[in-house]
Amino acid sequence: MKLYVIRHGETLSNLSGVVSGRSDEGLTENGIKQAQELNRKLEKISFDAVYVSPMKRTIETANIIVPEYQYVIDERIAERDLGSINNRTIDELWELPLWNSLTEKRTAEGAETFGAGLERVEDFLADLKKDFRNDAKILLITHSFISRCLWAIEHGPNENLDYTKFHHKNDEIIIYDI
């Protein structure tokens, strides 16, 4: 099965370098242009299903990229829950105790850990494998955190894997064989 993963178009938080978590912000003008370009890149691919995070920025992206598809909104591919953490850069967040824990579920601030994100993404993938044939093409419009979880699953998540090396740009398509 091929999983085409797209990170939503650019937002103001992306421009400022602040992690927005589950805030419901929309796309910038550039984010709209990025989605329009992705629409052109994907126009010849036929998808068996399209899954979208429930956040405004991913829904706006989906409406531009694949307006002809009826997509499924799935909470399991929503951005990371940041708990009480606000207005921090990703570099600041990397330093928080338990931020990248594979065993704990929440940080002291109530933020979802990397391990908790991996669990929900693995659950999502298990359902895809159960519901679709092996040659299916699935489009996923989501967030950097979910994309990082997919990358980690592909590389075998462990405490020695450097998650900071992965970056999914707003206008990039990453394809996984699952």
N, C-alpha and C. Protein backbone atom coordinates (compact mmCIF):
# COMPACT_ATOMS: atom_id res chain seq x y z
N MET A 1 0.85 -1.18 0.00
CA MET A 1 0.00 0.00 0.00
C MET A 1 0.89 1.23 0.00
N LYS A 2 0.51 2.20 -0.80
CA LYS A 2 1.26 3.46 -0.85
C LYS A 2 0.51 4.52 -0.05
N LEU A 3 1.22 5.15 0.85
CA LEU A 3 0.67 6.22 1.67
C LEU A 3 1.35 7.52 1.24
N TYR A 4 0.58 8.42 0.63
CA TYR A 4 1.07 9.72 0.20
C TYR A 4 0.78 10.69 1.35
N VAL A 5 1.83 11.22 1.95
CA VAL A 5 1.67 12.07 3.13
C VAL A 5 2.02 13.50 2.77
N ILE A 6 1.07 14.39 3.03
CA ILE A 6 1.26 15.82 2.79
C ILE A 6 1.08 16.57 4.09
N ARG A 7 2.01 17.44 4.37
CA ARG A 7 1.85 18.36 5.49
C ARG A 7 1.04 19.55 4.98
N HIS A 8 0.14 20.04 5.78
CA HIS A 8 -0.71 21.18 5.41
C HIS A 8 0.13 22.34 4.89
N GLY A 9 -0.52 23.27 4.18
CA GLY A 9 0.15 24.46 3.69
C GLY A 9 0.60 25.37 4.84
N GLU A 10 1.42 26.31 4.49
CA GLU A 10 2.03 27.23 5.47
C GLU A 10 0.99 28.01 6.28
N THR A 11 1.30 28.20 7.57
CA THR A 11 0.48 29.00 8.48
C THR A 11 1.35 30.11 9.08
N LEU A 12 0.73 31.04 9.78
CA LEU A 12 1.50 32.10 10.45
C LEU A 12 2.44 31.52 11.50
N SER A 13 2.01 30.48 12.19
CA SER A 13 2.89 29.84 13.18
C SER A 13 4.13 29.26 12.52
N ASN A 14 3.96 28.67 11.34
CA ASN A 14 5.12 28.16 10.61
C ASN A 14 6.11 29.28 10.32
N LEU A 15 5.60 30.42 9.93
CA LEU A 15 6.46 31.57 9.62
C LEU A 15 7.21 32.08 10.84
N SER A 16 6.55 32.06 11.99
CA SER A 16 7.16 32.59 13.21
C SER A 16 8.06 31.57 13.90
N GLY A 17 7.96 30.30 13.48
CA GLY A 17 8.78 29.26 14.11
C GLY A 17 8.20 28.73 15.40
N VAL A 18 6.97 29.10 15.72
CA VAL A 18 6.32 28.66 16.94
C VAL A 18 5.47 27.42 16.63
N VAL A 19 5.54 26.43 17.48
CA VAL A 19 4.74 25.22 17.30
C VAL A 19 3.31 25.53 17.72
N SER A 20 2.37 25.31 16.82
CA SER A 20 0.98 25.71 17.08
C SER A 20 0.12 24.61 17.68
N GLY A 21 0.57 23.36 17.61
CA GLY A 21 -0.21 22.28 18.19
C GLY A 21 -1.60 22.21 17.57
N ARG A 22 -2.60 22.12 18.40
CA ARG A 22 -3.96 21.96 17.91
C ARG A 22 -4.73 23.28 17.78
N SER A 23 -4.00 24.40 17.76
CA SER A 23 -4.69 25.67 17.48
C SER A 23 -5.28 25.58 16.08
N ASP A 24 -6.38 26.24 15.88
CA ASP A 24 -7.11 26.07 14.63
C ASP A 24 -6.89 27.24 13.68
N GLU A 25 -5.66 27.42 13.26
CA GLU A 25 -5.35 28.52 12.36
C GLU A 25 -5.45 28.07 10.91
N GLY A 26 -5.70 29.04 10.05
CA GLY A 26 -5.82 28.77 8.63
C GLY A 26 -4.50 28.98 7.89
N LEU A 27 -4.58 28.84 6.58
CA LEU A 27 -3.41 28.98 5.73
C LEU A 27 -3.09 30.43 5.42
N THR A 28 -1.82 30.71 5.19
CA THR A 28 -1.41 32.02 4.67
C THR A 28 -1.66 32.03 3.17
N GLU A 29 -1.45 33.18 2.53
CA GLU A 29 -1.57 33.24 1.07
C GLU A 29 -0.57 32.29 0.42
N ASN A 30 0.63 32.22 0.98
CA ASN A 30 1.63 31.30 0.46
C ASN A 30 1.19 29.85 0.68
N GLY A 31 0.56 29.56 1.81
CA GLY A 31 0.06 28.22 2.08
C GLY A 31 -0.99 27.80 1.06
N ILE A 32 -1.82 28.74 0.65
CA ILE A 32 -2.82 28.47 -0.40
C ILE A 32 -2.12 28.17 -1.71
N LYS A 33 -1.09 28.94 -2.04
CA LYS A 33 -0.33 28.71 -3.28
C LYS A 33 0.37 27.34 -3.24
N GLN A 34 0.90 26.98 -2.06
CA GLN A 34 1.54 25.67 -1.92
C GLN A 34 0.53 24.56 -2.20
N ALA A 35 -0.66 24.68 -1.66
CA ALA A 35 -1.70 23.67 -1.86
C ALA A 35 -2.11 23.61 -3.34
N GLN A 36 -2.21 24.76 -3.99
CA GLN A 36 -2.56 24.78 -5.41
C GLN A 36 -1.49 24.06 -6.25
N GLU A 37 -0.23 24.25 -5.89
CA GLU A 37 0.85 23.56 -6.59
C GLU A 37 0.76 22.04 -6.35
N LEU A 38 0.45 21.65 -5.13
CA LEU A 38 0.29 20.22 -4.84
C LEU A 38 -0.88 19.62 -5.61
N ASN A 39 -1.91 20.40 -5.81
CA ASN A 39 -3.06 19.95 -6.61
C ASN A 39 -2.58 19.59 -8.01
N ARG A 40 -1.74 20.42 -8.59
CA ARG A 40 -1.22 20.14 -9.94
C ARG A 40 -0.33 18.89 -9.95
N LYS A 41 0.48 18.72 -8.90
CA LYS A 41 1.37 17.56 -8.83
C LYS A 41 0.60 16.24 -8.68
N LEU A 42 -0.55 16.30 -8.04
CA LEU A 42 -1.30 15.08 -7.74
C LEU A 42 -2.45 14.81 -8.70
N GLU A 43 -2.67 15.68 -9.67
CA GLU A 43 -3.88 15.58 -10.49
C GLU A 43 -3.98 14.28 -11.28
N LYS A 44 -2.89 13.60 -11.58
CA LYS A 44 -2.95 12.37 -12.35
C LYS A 44 -2.97 11.11 -11.49
N ILE A 45 -2.96 11.27 -10.18
CA ILE A 45 -2.98 10.12 -9.28
C ILE A 45 -4.41 9.92 -8.77
N SER A 46 -4.85 8.69 -8.82
CA SER A 46 -6.17 8.35 -8.31
C SER A 46 -6.00 7.67 -6.94
N PHE A 47 -6.65 8.23 -5.94
CA PHE A 47 -6.53 7.71 -4.58
C PHE A 47 -7.74 6.84 -4.23
N ASP A 48 -7.47 5.80 -3.46
CA ASP A 48 -8.55 4.95 -2.98
C ASP A 48 -9.26 5.58 -1.79
N ALA A 49 -8.54 6.45 -1.07
CA ALA A 49 -9.14 7.16 0.06
C ALA A 49 -8.26 8.34 0.42
N VAL A 50 -8.89 9.34 1.02
CA VAL A 50 -8.18 10.52 1.50
C VAL A 50 -8.56 10.72 2.97
N TYR A 51 -7.54 10.83 3.81
CA TYR A 51 -7.74 11.06 5.25
C TYR A 51 -7.14 12.41 5.61
N VAL A 52 -7.86 13.15 6.45
CA VAL A 52 -7.47 14.50 6.80
C VAL A 52 -7.59 14.70 8.31
N SER A 53 -6.63 15.41 8.86
CA SER A 53 -6.70 15.81 10.27
C SER A 53 -7.88 16.77 10.44
N PRO A 54 -8.46 16.84 11.63
CA PRO A 54 -9.61 17.72 11.85
C PRO A 54 -9.26 19.21 11.98
N MET A 55 -8.00 19.58 11.87
CA MET A 55 -7.60 20.97 12.05
C MET A 55 -7.95 21.80 10.80
N LYS A 56 -8.26 23.06 11.00
CA LYS A 56 -8.66 23.96 9.92
C LYS A 56 -7.62 24.00 8.80
N ARG A 57 -6.34 24.05 9.15
CA ARG A 57 -5.29 24.18 8.13
C ARG A 57 -5.19 22.95 7.24
N THR A 58 -5.49 21.76 7.77
CA THR A 58 -5.45 20.56 6.93
C THR A 58 -6.71 20.45 6.07
N ILE A 59 -7.84 20.86 6.62
CA ILE A 59 -9.08 20.83 5.85
C ILE A 59 -9.01 21.83 4.70
N GLU A 60 -8.48 23.02 4.95
CA GLU A 60 -8.30 24.00 3.87
C GLU A 60 -7.37 23.43 2.79
N THR A 61 -6.30 22.79 3.22
CA THR A 61 -5.35 22.20 2.27
C THR A 61 -6.05 21.12 1.44
N ALA A 62 -6.81 20.26 2.09
CA ALA A 62 -7.53 19.19 1.38
C ALA A 62 -8.51 19.75 0.37
N ASN A 63 -9.23 20.80 0.73
CA ASN A 63 -10.21 21.38 -0.17
C ASN A 63 -9.58 21.96 -1.43
N ILE A 64 -8.32 22.34 -1.34
CA ILE A 64 -7.59 22.86 -2.51
C ILE A 64 -6.94 21.73 -3.28
N ILE A 65 -6.32 20.80 -2.58
CA ILE A 65 -5.55 19.73 -3.23
C ILE A 65 -6.46 18.72 -3.93
N VAL A 66 -7.48 18.27 -3.25
CA VAL A 66 -8.35 17.21 -3.79
C VAL A 66 -9.83 17.56 -3.61
N PRO A 67 -10.27 18.66 -4.26
CA PRO A 67 -11.67 19.08 -4.06
C PRO A 67 -12.70 18.06 -4.55
N GLU A 68 -12.29 17.16 -5.43
CA GLU A 68 -13.22 16.18 -5.98
C GLU A 68 -13.42 14.96 -5.08
N TYR A 69 -12.63 14.85 -4.02
CA TYR A 69 -12.71 13.69 -3.14
C TYR A 69 -13.55 13.98 -1.90
N GLN A 70 -14.28 12.97 -1.48
CA GLN A 70 -14.93 13.00 -0.18
C GLN A 70 -13.91 12.43 0.80
N TYR A 71 -13.40 13.24 1.69
CA TYR A 71 -12.35 12.76 2.58
C TYR A 71 -12.90 12.38 3.95
N VAL A 72 -12.10 11.59 4.67
CA VAL A 72 -12.44 11.15 6.01
C VAL A 72 -11.61 11.96 7.00
N ILE A 73 -12.27 12.57 7.96
CA ILE A 73 -11.56 13.29 9.01
C ILE A 73 -11.29 12.30 10.14
N ASP A 74 -10.02 12.22 10.54
CA ASP A 74 -9.63 11.23 11.55
C ASP A 74 -8.80 11.91 12.64
N GLU A 75 -9.29 11.84 13.87
CA GLU A 75 -8.61 12.45 15.03
C GLU A 75 -7.21 11.88 15.25
N ARG A 76 -6.99 10.64 14.85
CA ARG A 76 -5.70 10.00 15.10
C ARG A 76 -4.56 10.64 14.32
N ILE A 77 -4.89 11.45 13.30
CA ILE A 77 -3.83 12.12 12.55
C ILE A 77 -3.82 13.63 12.81
N ALA A 78 -4.45 14.03 13.92
CA ALA A 78 -4.40 15.43 14.35
C ALA A 78 -3.00 15.76 14.86
N GLU A 79 -2.70 17.03 14.91
CA GLU A 79 -1.40 17.49 15.42
C GLU A 79 -1.25 17.09 16.89
N ARG A 80 -0.04 17.17 17.36
CA ARG A 80 0.30 16.83 18.75
C ARG A 80 -0.45 17.74 19.72
N ASP A 81 -0.98 17.14 20.77
CA ASP A 81 -1.63 17.89 21.85
C ASP A 81 -0.53 18.47 22.73
N LEU A 82 -0.46 19.79 22.81
CA LEU A 82 0.61 20.46 23.55
C LEU A 82 0.28 20.73 25.01
N GLY A 83 -0.88 20.30 25.47
CA GLY A 83 -1.22 20.55 26.86
C GLY A 83 -1.20 22.04 27.16
N SER A 84 -0.52 22.45 28.22
CA SER A 84 -0.47 23.87 28.60
C SER A 84 0.70 24.62 27.98
N ILE A 85 1.44 23.98 27.08
CA ILE A 85 2.59 24.63 26.45
C ILE A 85 2.12 25.58 25.36
N ASN A 86 2.62 26.80 25.41
CA ASN A 86 2.26 27.80 24.39
C ASN A 86 3.50 28.56 23.94
N ASN A 87 3.45 29.01 22.70
CA ASN A 87 4.45 29.93 22.14
C ASN A 87 5.89 29.48 22.33
N ARG A 88 6.16 28.24 22.00
CA ARG A 88 7.53 27.71 22.07
C ARG A 88 7.98 27.26 20.69
N THR A 89 9.26 27.39 20.45
CA THR A 89 9.82 26.88 19.20
C THR A 89 10.06 25.39 19.35
N ILE A 90 10.25 24.72 18.23
CA ILE A 90 10.52 23.29 18.29
C ILE A 90 11.82 23.01 19.03
N ASP A 91 12.82 23.87 18.87
CA ASP A 91 14.09 23.67 19.59
C ASP A 91 13.89 23.72 21.10
N GLU A 92 13.03 24.62 21.57
CA GLU A 92 12.74 24.70 23.00
C GLU A 92 11.99 23.44 23.46
N LEU A 93 11.10 22.97 22.62
CA LEU A 93 10.31 21.79 22.99
C LEU A 93 11.16 20.53 23.04
N TRP A 94 12.16 20.42 22.17
CA TRP A 94 13.03 19.24 22.19
C TRP A 94 13.70 19.08 23.55
N GLU A 95 13.89 20.18 24.27
CA GLU A 95 14.60 20.14 25.54
C GLU A 95 13.73 19.76 26.74
N LEU A 96 12.42 19.72 26.55
CA LEU A 96 11.52 19.40 27.67
C LEU A 96 11.68 17.95 28.10
N PRO A 97 11.69 17.72 29.42
CA PRO A 97 11.72 16.34 29.91
C PRO A 97 10.51 15.57 29.37
N LEU A 98 10.73 14.37 28.93
CA LEU A 98 9.72 13.43 28.42
C LEU A 98 9.17 13.79 27.05
N TRP A 99 9.57 14.90 26.44
CA TRP A 99 9.03 15.31 25.14
C TRP A 99 9.11 14.17 24.13
N ASN A 100 10.24 13.48 24.07
CA ASN A 100 10.42 12.39 23.11
C ASN A 100 10.34 11.01 23.75
N SER A 101 9.75 10.93 24.93
CA SER A 101 9.64 9.63 25.60
C SER A 101 8.84 8.64 24.76
N LEU A 102 9.32 7.42 24.73
CA LEU A 102 8.59 6.35 24.05
C LEU A 102 7.73 5.55 25.01
N THR A 103 7.88 5.79 26.31
CA THR A 103 7.14 5.01 27.31
C THR A 103 6.09 5.81 28.06
N GLU A 104 6.36 7.08 28.34
CA GLU A 104 5.38 7.91 29.05
C GLU A 104 4.36 8.48 28.06
N LYS A 105 3.17 8.81 28.55
CA LYS A 105 2.10 9.33 27.69
C LYS A 105 2.04 10.86 27.64
N ARG A 106 2.42 11.52 28.75
CA ARG A 106 2.31 12.98 28.83
C ARG A 106 3.52 13.56 29.55
N THR A 107 3.85 14.81 29.18
CA THR A 107 4.88 15.54 29.91
C THR A 107 4.24 16.18 31.13
N ALA A 108 5.04 16.82 31.98
CA ALA A 108 4.52 17.51 33.17
C ALA A 108 3.53 18.61 32.78
N GLU A 109 3.71 19.19 31.59
CA GLU A 109 2.82 20.27 31.11
C GLU A 109 1.57 19.72 30.44
N GLY A 110 1.44 18.39 30.40
CA GLY A 110 0.27 17.77 29.79
C GLY A 110 0.40 17.54 28.30
N ALA A 111 1.57 17.79 27.74
CA ALA A 111 1.77 17.59 26.30
C ALA A 111 1.88 16.10 25.99
N GLU A 112 1.37 15.74 24.86
CA GLU A 112 1.49 14.38 24.36
C GLU A 112 2.95 14.06 24.06
N THR A 113 3.40 12.90 24.48
CA THR A 113 4.78 12.50 24.20
C THR A 113 4.87 11.88 22.80
N PHE A 114 6.08 11.67 22.35
CA PHE A 114 6.29 11.05 21.07
C PHE A 114 5.72 9.62 21.06
N GLY A 115 5.92 8.91 22.14
CA GLY A 115 5.39 7.55 22.24
C GLY A 115 3.89 7.48 22.12
N ALA A 116 3.19 8.43 22.73
CA ALA A 116 1.73 8.48 22.63
C ALA A 116 1.30 8.74 21.19
N GLY A 117 2.03 9.62 20.51
CA GLY A 117 1.74 9.88 19.10
C GLY A 117 1.97 8.64 18.24
N LEU A 118 3.05 7.94 18.51
CA LEU A 118 3.33 6.71 17.77
C LEU A 118 2.20 5.71 17.92
N GLU A 119 1.66 5.58 19.12
CA GLU A 119 0.57 4.63 19.36
C GLU A 119 -0.65 4.94 18.50
N ARG A 120 -1.02 6.22 18.45
CA ARG A 120 -2.22 6.54 17.66
C ARG A 120 -1.98 6.40 16.17
N VAL A 121 -0.76 6.69 15.70
CA VAL A 121 -0.44 6.51 14.29
C VAL A 121 -0.40 5.02 13.94
N GLU A 122 0.17 4.21 14.82
CA GLU A 122 0.19 2.76 14.57
C GLU A 122 -1.23 2.19 14.53
N ASP A 123 -2.12 2.69 15.38
CA ASP A 123 -3.52 2.28 15.36
C ASP A 123 -4.18 2.65 14.04
N PHE A 124 -3.91 3.87 13.58
CA PHE A 124 -4.44 4.35 12.30
C PHE A 124 -3.95 3.45 11.16
N LEU A 125 -2.65 3.15 11.13
CA LEU A 125 -2.08 2.32 10.07
C LEU A 125 -2.66 0.91 10.09
N ALA A 126 -2.87 0.37 11.28
CA ALA A 126 -3.46 -0.98 11.39
C ALA A 126 -4.85 -1.00 10.76
N ASP A 127 -5.63 0.04 10.97
CA ASP A 127 -6.95 0.11 10.35
C ASP A 127 -6.86 0.22 8.83
N LEU A 128 -5.91 0.99 8.33
CA LEU A 128 -5.73 1.09 6.88
C LEU A 128 -5.41 -0.27 6.28
N LYS A 129 -4.51 -0.99 6.92
CA LYS A 129 -4.11 -2.31 6.42
C LYS A 129 -5.28 -3.30 6.45
N LYS A 130 -6.14 -3.12 7.42
CA LYS A 130 -7.32 -3.99 7.54
C LYS A 130 -8.38 -3.63 6.49
N ASP A 131 -8.52 -2.34 6.19
CA ASP A 131 -9.62 -1.86 5.36
C ASP A 131 -9.31 -1.77 3.87
N PHE A 132 -8.03 -1.78 3.48
CA PHE A 132 -7.68 -1.58 2.07
C PHE A 132 -6.78 -2.70 1.56
N ARG A 133 -6.85 -2.92 0.27
CA ARG A 133 -6.01 -3.94 -0.35
C ARG A 133 -4.55 -3.46 -0.41
N ASN A 134 -3.66 -4.38 -0.68
CA ASN A 134 -2.22 -4.08 -0.65
C ASN A 134 -1.77 -3.07 -1.69
N ASP A 135 -2.49 -2.93 -2.81
CA ASP A 135 -2.06 -1.99 -3.85
C ASP A 135 -2.80 -0.65 -3.77
N ALA A 136 -3.48 -0.39 -2.66
CA ALA A 136 -4.22 0.86 -2.50
C ALA A 136 -3.29 2.06 -2.42
N LYS A 137 -3.82 3.21 -2.86
CA LYS A 137 -3.12 4.48 -2.74
C LYS A 137 -3.96 5.37 -1.82
N ILE A 138 -3.37 5.74 -0.71
CA ILE A 138 -4.07 6.52 0.31
C ILE A 138 -3.37 7.88 0.45
N LEU A 139 -4.15 8.95 0.42
CA LEU A 139 -3.61 10.29 0.64
C LEU A 139 -3.91 10.70 2.08
N LEU A 140 -2.89 11.19 2.74
CA LEU A 140 -2.99 11.64 4.13
C LEU A 140 -2.57 13.10 4.19
N ILE A 141 -3.46 13.98 4.65
CA ILE A 141 -3.14 15.40 4.80
C ILE A 141 -3.12 15.68 6.29
N THR A 142 -1.93 15.97 6.79
CA THR A 142 -1.73 16.00 8.23
C THR A 142 -0.69 17.03 8.64
N HIS A 143 0.08 16.71 9.67
CA HIS A 143 0.99 17.65 10.32
C HIS A 143 2.40 17.08 10.42
N SER A 144 3.32 17.93 10.76
CA SER A 144 4.72 17.53 10.92
C SER A 144 4.87 16.42 11.96
N PHE A 145 4.16 16.52 13.07
CA PHE A 145 4.28 15.52 14.14
C PHE A 145 3.88 14.13 13.65
N ILE A 146 2.76 14.05 12.95
CA ILE A 146 2.28 12.76 12.44
C ILE A 146 3.25 12.23 11.39
N SER A 147 3.74 13.11 10.55
CA SER A 147 4.71 12.70 9.55
C SER A 147 6.00 12.19 10.21
N ARG A 148 6.42 12.84 11.28
CA ARG A 148 7.60 12.40 12.02
C ARG A 148 7.35 11.01 12.65
N CYS A 149 6.14 10.79 13.13
CA CYS A 149 5.80 9.47 13.68
C CYS A 149 5.87 8.40 12.59
N LEU A 150 5.36 8.70 11.40
CA LEU A 150 5.43 7.74 10.30
C LEU A 150 6.88 7.44 9.93
N TRP A 151 7.70 8.49 9.90
CA TRP A 151 9.13 8.32 9.60
C TRP A 151 9.78 7.42 10.65
N ALA A 152 9.45 7.64 11.91
CA ALA A 152 10.02 6.83 12.99
C ALA A 152 9.56 5.38 12.88
N ILE A 153 8.30 5.16 12.54
CA ILE A 153 7.78 3.80 12.38
C ILE A 153 8.54 3.10 11.25
N GLU A 154 8.78 3.81 10.17
CA GLU A 154 9.52 3.24 9.05
C GLU A 154 10.95 2.87 9.44
N HIS A 155 11.55 3.65 10.33
CA HIS A 155 12.94 3.42 10.75
C HIS A 155 13.05 2.58 12.03
N GLY A 156 11.93 2.16 12.58
CA GLY A 156 11.96 1.37 13.81
C GLY A 156 12.22 2.27 15.01
N PRO A 157 11.16 2.81 15.63
CA PRO A 157 11.34 3.77 16.73
C PRO A 157 12.15 3.18 17.89
N ASN A 158 13.11 3.94 18.36
CA ASN A 158 13.89 3.55 19.53
C ASN A 158 14.53 4.79 20.13
N GLU A 159 15.04 4.67 21.31
CA GLU A 159 15.60 5.80 22.04
C GLU A 159 16.82 6.42 21.35
N ASN A 160 17.47 5.68 20.45
CA ASN A 160 18.67 6.18 19.78
C ASN A 160 18.38 6.89 18.46
N LEU A 161 17.16 6.83 17.98
CA LEU A 161 16.80 7.49 16.73
C LEU A 161 16.70 8.99 16.97
N ASP A 162 17.40 9.77 16.17
CA ASP A 162 17.40 11.22 16.32
C ASP A 162 16.24 11.82 15.54
N TYR A 163 15.15 12.07 16.24
CA TYR A 163 13.93 12.59 15.62
C TYR A 163 14.10 14.02 15.11
N THR A 164 15.11 14.72 15.60
CA THR A 164 15.32 16.11 15.16
C THR A 164 15.81 16.18 13.72
N LYS A 165 16.29 15.08 13.18
CA LYS A 165 16.81 15.09 11.81
C LYS A 165 15.71 15.08 10.76
N PHE A 166 14.52 14.73 11.15
CA PHE A 166 13.42 14.66 10.19
C PHE A 166 12.70 16.00 10.09
N HIS A 167 12.46 16.45 8.87
CA HIS A 167 11.68 17.67 8.66
C HIS A 167 10.81 17.48 7.43
N HIS A 168 9.53 17.73 7.58
CA HIS A 168 8.58 17.64 6.48
C HIS A 168 8.12 19.05 6.14
N LYS A 169 8.52 19.53 4.97
CA LYS A 169 8.16 20.88 4.55
C LYS A 169 6.68 20.96 4.20
N ASN A 170 6.14 22.16 4.24
CA ASN A 170 4.72 22.37 3.96
C ASN A 170 4.31 21.98 2.55
N ASP A 171 5.19 22.03 1.60
CA ASP A 171 4.80 21.75 0.22
C ASP A 171 5.40 20.45 -0.30
N GLU A 172 5.68 19.53 0.60
CA GLU A 172 6.37 18.31 0.24
C GLU A 172 5.45 17.09 0.36
N ILE A 173 5.59 16.18 -0.61
CA ILE A 173 4.87 14.90 -0.57
C ILE A 173 5.90 13.84 -0.18
N ILE A 174 5.61 13.06 0.85
CA ILE A 174 6.45 11.93 1.22
C ILE A 174 5.62 10.67 1.01
N ILE A 175 6.21 9.69 0.32
CA ILE A 175 5.47 8.46 0.01
C ILE A 175 6.08 7.31 0.82
N TYR A 176 5.21 6.60 1.53
CA TYR A 176 5.62 5.44 2.32
C TYR A 176 4.95 4.20 1.76
N ASP A 177 5.69 3.10 1.74
CA ASP A 177 5.11 1.79 1.46
C ASP A 177 4.82 1.17 2.81
N ILE A 178 3.55 0.91 3.06
CA ILE A 178 3.18 0.34 4.36
C ILE A 178 2.57 -1.04 4.20
